[in-house]
Amino acid sequence: MGAYVALLTIDLHFPDVGSLKGKRKELQSVKARLHQKLGASVAEVGHQDIWQRSTLGAALVSGSMTLVEHEADAVERYLYDRYPETVSIERTVVSFDEVSG
């Protein structure tokens, strides 16, 4: 039995946001969508005190490499559709066997 995890580092830029309150509102929406609709666990992991930037970490887990890749593709599609000019995503997919050594 295999288990696989997709880890995504998501850098977002919000050029129209003028306050931390505005950024939090935008992030709340993004994080809720990624979690509720796409099944990702999401946390803000960088740039918490900067108005127009954020770095999110997201994780997806599946028993199938194909399925976890498909789910990660859906996350990326959503983000690139919503923020076509202002998002950058790095993805790593590993098996639990690779992580546990």
N, C-alpha and C. Protein backbone atom coordinates (compact mmCIF):
# COMPACT_ATOMS: atom_id res chain seq x y z
N MET A 1 0.84 -1.18 0.00
CA MET A 1 0.00 0.00 0.00
C MET A 1 0.88 1.23 0.00
N GLY A 2 0.59 2.19 -0.89
CA GLY A 2 1.38 3.41 -0.98
C GLY A 2 0.60 4.61 -0.48
N ALA A 3 1.33 5.59 -0.08
CA ALA A 3 0.73 6.87 0.30
C ALA A 3 1.63 7.96 -0.27
N TYR A 4 1.01 8.99 -0.80
CA TYR A 4 1.74 10.06 -1.48
C TYR A 4 1.27 11.41 -0.98
N VAL A 5 2.19 12.35 -0.98
CA VAL A 5 1.85 13.71 -0.55
C VAL A 5 2.38 14.70 -1.58
N ALA A 6 1.53 15.67 -1.89
CA ALA A 6 1.95 16.79 -2.74
C ALA A 6 2.09 18.00 -1.83
N LEU A 7 3.25 18.62 -1.87
CA LEU A 7 3.52 19.83 -1.09
C LEU A 7 3.66 20.99 -2.06
N LEU A 8 2.92 22.06 -1.80
CA LEU A 8 2.98 23.23 -2.67
C LEU A 8 3.38 24.45 -1.86
N THR A 9 4.30 25.21 -2.40
CA THR A 9 4.64 26.53 -1.85
C THR A 9 4.06 27.54 -2.83
N ILE A 10 3.18 28.39 -2.31
CA ILE A 10 2.42 29.31 -3.15
C ILE A 10 2.77 30.74 -2.75
N ASP A 11 3.38 31.48 -3.67
CA ASP A 11 3.68 32.89 -3.44
C ASP A 11 2.63 33.72 -4.16
N LEU A 12 1.97 34.57 -3.38
CA LEU A 12 0.91 35.42 -3.93
C LEU A 12 1.28 36.88 -3.77
N HIS A 13 0.88 37.68 -4.75
CA HIS A 13 1.04 39.13 -4.70
C HIS A 13 -0.33 39.74 -4.92
N PHE A 14 -0.70 40.66 -4.03
CA PHE A 14 -1.99 41.33 -4.10
C PHE A 14 -1.76 42.82 -4.36
N PRO A 15 -1.59 43.24 -5.61
CA PRO A 15 -1.22 44.62 -5.90
C PRO A 15 -2.30 45.64 -5.52
N ASP A 16 -3.55 45.23 -5.43
CA ASP A 16 -4.64 46.16 -5.14
C ASP A 16 -5.00 46.23 -3.66
N VAL A 17 -4.35 45.44 -2.82
CA VAL A 17 -4.65 45.43 -1.39
C VAL A 17 -3.87 46.54 -0.70
N GLY A 18 -4.57 47.31 0.16
CA GLY A 18 -3.92 48.44 0.81
C GLY A 18 -3.78 48.34 2.30
N SER A 19 -4.08 47.16 2.87
CA SER A 19 -3.96 47.00 4.32
C SER A 19 -3.85 45.52 4.66
N LEU A 20 -3.41 45.25 5.88
CA LEU A 20 -3.36 43.86 6.33
C LEU A 20 -4.77 43.28 6.44
N LYS A 21 -5.74 44.10 6.78
CA LYS A 21 -7.13 43.65 6.85
C LYS A 21 -7.62 43.19 5.48
N GLY A 22 -7.30 43.94 4.44
CA GLY A 22 -7.67 43.56 3.08
C GLY A 22 -6.99 42.28 2.65
N LYS A 23 -5.72 42.15 3.02
CA LYS A 23 -4.98 40.93 2.68
C LYS A 23 -5.60 39.73 3.39
N ARG A 24 -5.90 39.87 4.68
CA ARG A 24 -6.51 38.77 5.44
C ARG A 24 -7.83 38.32 4.81
N LYS A 25 -8.62 39.28 4.36
CA LYS A 25 -9.89 38.95 3.71
C LYS A 25 -9.66 38.12 2.44
N GLU A 26 -8.71 38.56 1.64
CA GLU A 26 -8.37 37.84 0.40
C GLU A 26 -7.86 36.44 0.71
N LEU A 27 -6.96 36.34 1.69
CA LEU A 27 -6.39 35.04 2.06
C LEU A 27 -7.43 34.09 2.63
N GLN A 28 -8.35 34.63 3.42
CA GLN A 28 -9.40 33.79 4.00
C GLN A 28 -10.20 33.12 2.89
N SER A 29 -10.51 33.88 1.86
CA SER A 29 -11.26 33.34 0.72
C SER A 29 -10.46 32.25 0.00
N VAL A 30 -9.19 32.52 -0.27
CA VAL A 30 -8.34 31.56 -0.99
C VAL A 30 -8.19 30.28 -0.17
N LYS A 31 -7.85 30.43 1.09
CA LYS A 31 -7.63 29.26 1.95
C LYS A 31 -8.90 28.42 2.08
N ALA A 32 -10.05 29.08 2.22
CA ALA A 32 -11.31 28.34 2.34
C ALA A 32 -11.59 27.55 1.08
N ARG A 33 -11.39 28.18 -0.07
CA ARG A 33 -11.64 27.50 -1.35
C ARG A 33 -10.71 26.29 -1.52
N LEU A 34 -9.43 26.49 -1.24
CA LEU A 34 -8.47 25.40 -1.39
C LEU A 34 -8.80 24.23 -0.45
N HIS A 35 -9.25 24.55 0.75
CA HIS A 35 -9.55 23.50 1.71
C HIS A 35 -10.90 22.84 1.43
N GLN A 36 -11.96 23.64 1.33
CA GLN A 36 -13.31 23.08 1.23
C GLN A 36 -13.59 22.45 -0.13
N LYS A 37 -13.15 23.07 -1.19
CA LYS A 37 -13.49 22.58 -2.53
C LYS A 37 -12.44 21.66 -3.13
N LEU A 38 -11.17 21.86 -2.73
CA LEU A 38 -10.10 21.10 -3.37
C LEU A 38 -9.36 20.16 -2.40
N GLY A 39 -9.74 20.17 -1.13
CA GLY A 39 -9.21 19.20 -0.18
C GLY A 39 -7.80 19.44 0.32
N ALA A 40 -7.28 20.63 0.17
CA ALA A 40 -5.91 20.91 0.59
C ALA A 40 -5.87 21.43 2.03
N SER A 41 -4.85 21.05 2.75
CA SER A 41 -4.55 21.68 4.03
C SER A 41 -3.66 22.87 3.72
N VAL A 42 -4.02 24.05 4.25
CA VAL A 42 -3.34 25.28 3.85
C VAL A 42 -3.01 26.12 5.08
N ALA A 43 -1.82 26.73 5.06
CA ALA A 43 -1.42 27.66 6.12
C ALA A 43 -0.58 28.77 5.51
N GLU A 44 -0.71 29.97 6.07
CA GLU A 44 0.19 31.05 5.67
C GLU A 44 1.51 30.82 6.37
N VAL A 45 2.59 30.75 5.59
CA VAL A 45 3.90 30.41 6.15
C VAL A 45 4.94 31.50 5.95
N GLY A 46 4.56 32.59 5.29
CA GLY A 46 5.52 33.66 5.09
C GLY A 46 4.86 34.96 4.72
N HIS A 47 5.56 36.05 4.99
CA HIS A 47 5.12 37.41 4.67
C HIS A 47 3.84 37.80 5.41
N GLN A 48 3.68 37.32 6.64
CA GLN A 48 2.47 37.62 7.39
C GLN A 48 2.29 39.11 7.66
N ASP A 49 3.36 39.86 7.74
CA ASP A 49 3.25 41.27 8.11
C ASP A 49 3.39 42.23 6.93
N ILE A 50 3.32 41.70 5.72
CA ILE A 50 3.42 42.53 4.51
C ILE A 50 2.05 42.56 3.84
N TRP A 51 1.56 43.75 3.53
CA TRP A 51 0.21 43.91 2.98
C TRP A 51 -0.03 43.18 1.69
N GLN A 52 0.89 43.26 0.75
CA GLN A 52 0.61 42.81 -0.60
C GLN A 52 1.23 41.47 -0.97
N ARG A 53 1.84 40.79 -0.01
CA ARG A 53 2.47 39.50 -0.31
C ARG A 53 2.06 38.47 0.71
N SER A 54 2.08 37.23 0.27
CA SER A 54 1.85 36.11 1.17
C SER A 54 2.49 34.86 0.58
N THR A 55 2.95 34.01 1.46
CA THR A 55 3.40 32.69 1.06
C THR A 55 2.56 31.68 1.82
N LEU A 56 1.95 30.77 1.07
CA LEU A 56 1.13 29.72 1.64
C LEU A 56 1.83 28.38 1.44
N GLY A 57 1.64 27.50 2.39
CA GLY A 57 2.03 26.10 2.24
C GLY A 57 0.76 25.29 2.13
N ALA A 58 0.70 24.36 1.19
CA ALA A 58 -0.47 23.51 1.02
C ALA A 58 -0.02 22.06 0.87
N ALA A 59 -0.85 21.15 1.38
CA ALA A 59 -0.54 19.72 1.29
C ALA A 59 -1.79 18.95 0.88
N LEU A 60 -1.55 17.95 0.05
CA LEU A 60 -2.60 17.02 -0.39
C LEU A 60 -2.06 15.60 -0.18
N VAL A 61 -2.91 14.69 0.26
CA VAL A 61 -2.48 13.32 0.53
C VAL A 61 -3.42 12.36 -0.19
N SER A 62 -2.83 11.30 -0.76
CA SER A 62 -3.64 10.28 -1.45
C SER A 62 -2.90 8.95 -1.43
N GLY A 63 -3.64 7.91 -1.67
CA GLY A 63 -3.04 6.59 -1.80
C GLY A 63 -2.55 6.30 -3.21
N SER A 64 -2.74 7.27 -4.11
CA SER A 64 -2.36 7.10 -5.51
C SER A 64 -1.53 8.29 -5.98
N MET A 65 -0.41 8.02 -6.61
CA MET A 65 0.42 9.09 -7.17
C MET A 65 -0.38 9.85 -8.23
N THR A 66 -1.10 9.14 -9.07
CA THR A 66 -1.89 9.78 -10.13
C THR A 66 -2.95 10.71 -9.54
N LEU A 67 -3.63 10.27 -8.50
CA LEU A 67 -4.68 11.08 -7.89
C LEU A 67 -4.11 12.31 -7.20
N VAL A 68 -3.02 12.17 -6.49
CA VAL A 68 -2.44 13.34 -5.80
C VAL A 68 -1.93 14.35 -6.83
N GLU A 69 -1.39 13.89 -7.93
CA GLU A 69 -0.96 14.80 -9.00
C GLU A 69 -2.16 15.52 -9.60
N HIS A 70 -3.25 14.79 -9.82
CA HIS A 70 -4.49 15.38 -10.36
C HIS A 70 -5.03 16.45 -9.41
N GLU A 71 -5.03 16.16 -8.11
CA GLU A 71 -5.51 17.13 -7.12
C GLU A 71 -4.62 18.37 -7.08
N ALA A 72 -3.32 18.17 -7.17
CA ALA A 72 -2.38 19.30 -7.19
C ALA A 72 -2.57 20.14 -8.45
N ASP A 73 -2.84 19.47 -9.57
CA ASP A 73 -3.14 20.20 -10.81
C ASP A 73 -4.37 21.10 -10.63
N ALA A 74 -5.39 20.58 -9.95
CA ALA A 74 -6.62 21.36 -9.72
C ALA A 74 -6.34 22.59 -8.86
N VAL A 75 -5.51 22.43 -7.85
CA VAL A 75 -5.12 23.57 -7.00
C VAL A 75 -4.40 24.61 -7.84
N GLU A 76 -3.44 24.17 -8.63
CA GLU A 76 -2.68 25.10 -9.47
C GLU A 76 -3.58 25.80 -10.48
N ARG A 77 -4.47 25.06 -11.11
CA ARG A 77 -5.39 25.67 -12.09
C ARG A 77 -6.24 26.76 -11.43
N TYR A 78 -6.78 26.47 -10.26
CA TYR A 78 -7.59 27.46 -9.54
C TYR A 78 -6.78 28.73 -9.26
N LEU A 79 -5.57 28.56 -8.76
CA LEU A 79 -4.75 29.72 -8.40
C LEU A 79 -4.32 30.51 -9.63
N TYR A 80 -3.92 29.82 -10.70
CA TYR A 80 -3.50 30.53 -11.92
C TYR A 80 -4.70 31.21 -12.59
N ASP A 81 -5.89 30.64 -12.47
CA ASP A 81 -7.08 31.29 -13.01
C ASP A 81 -7.44 32.54 -12.21
N ARG A 82 -7.32 32.45 -10.90
CA ARG A 82 -7.69 33.57 -10.02
C ARG A 82 -6.64 34.67 -10.01
N TYR A 83 -5.37 34.29 -10.06
CA TYR A 83 -4.26 35.26 -9.99
C TYR A 83 -3.28 35.01 -11.14
N PRO A 84 -3.71 35.22 -12.38
CA PRO A 84 -2.88 34.81 -13.52
C PRO A 84 -1.51 35.49 -13.59
N GLU A 85 -1.40 36.70 -13.11
CA GLU A 85 -0.14 37.44 -13.22
C GLU A 85 0.63 37.51 -11.91
N THR A 86 0.00 37.09 -10.79
CA THR A 86 0.61 37.40 -9.50
C THR A 86 0.80 36.18 -8.59
N VAL A 87 0.83 34.98 -9.16
CA VAL A 87 1.05 33.79 -8.35
C VAL A 87 2.24 33.01 -8.89
N SER A 88 2.96 32.41 -7.97
CA SER A 88 4.06 31.52 -8.31
C SER A 88 3.92 30.28 -7.42
N ILE A 89 4.04 29.09 -8.03
CA ILE A 89 3.82 27.85 -7.29
C ILE A 89 4.98 26.90 -7.53
N GLU A 90 5.46 26.31 -6.43
CA GLU A 90 6.44 25.22 -6.51
C GLU A 90 5.77 23.97 -5.95
N ARG A 91 5.97 22.85 -6.62
CA ARG A 91 5.33 21.60 -6.22
C ARG A 91 6.37 20.51 -6.04
N THR A 92 6.17 19.72 -4.99
CA THR A 92 6.96 18.52 -4.74
C THR A 92 5.99 17.39 -4.42
N VAL A 93 6.16 16.26 -5.05
CA VAL A 93 5.34 15.09 -4.76
C VAL A 93 6.27 13.96 -4.35
N VAL A 94 5.99 13.39 -3.18
CA VAL A 94 6.83 12.30 -2.67
C VAL A 94 5.95 11.21 -2.07
N SER A 95 6.51 10.01 -2.01
CA SER A 95 5.82 8.93 -1.31
C SER A 95 6.20 8.99 0.16
N PHE A 96 5.36 8.42 1.00
CA PHE A 96 5.69 8.36 2.42
C PHE A 96 6.96 7.57 2.63
N ASP A 97 7.21 6.56 1.79
CA ASP A 97 8.43 5.76 1.90
C ASP A 97 9.67 6.63 1.71
N GLU A 98 9.61 7.56 0.77
CA GLU A 98 10.74 8.47 0.52
C GLU A 98 10.99 9.38 1.73
N VAL A 99 9.93 9.82 2.34
CA VAL A 99 10.05 10.75 3.48
C VAL A 99 10.55 10.02 4.72
N SER A 100 10.07 8.82 4.95
CA SER A 100 10.43 8.10 6.17
C SER A 100 11.78 7.38 6.08
N GLY A 101 12.32 7.35 4.86
CA GLY A 101 13.66 6.79 4.67
C GLY A 101 13.66 5.33 4.72
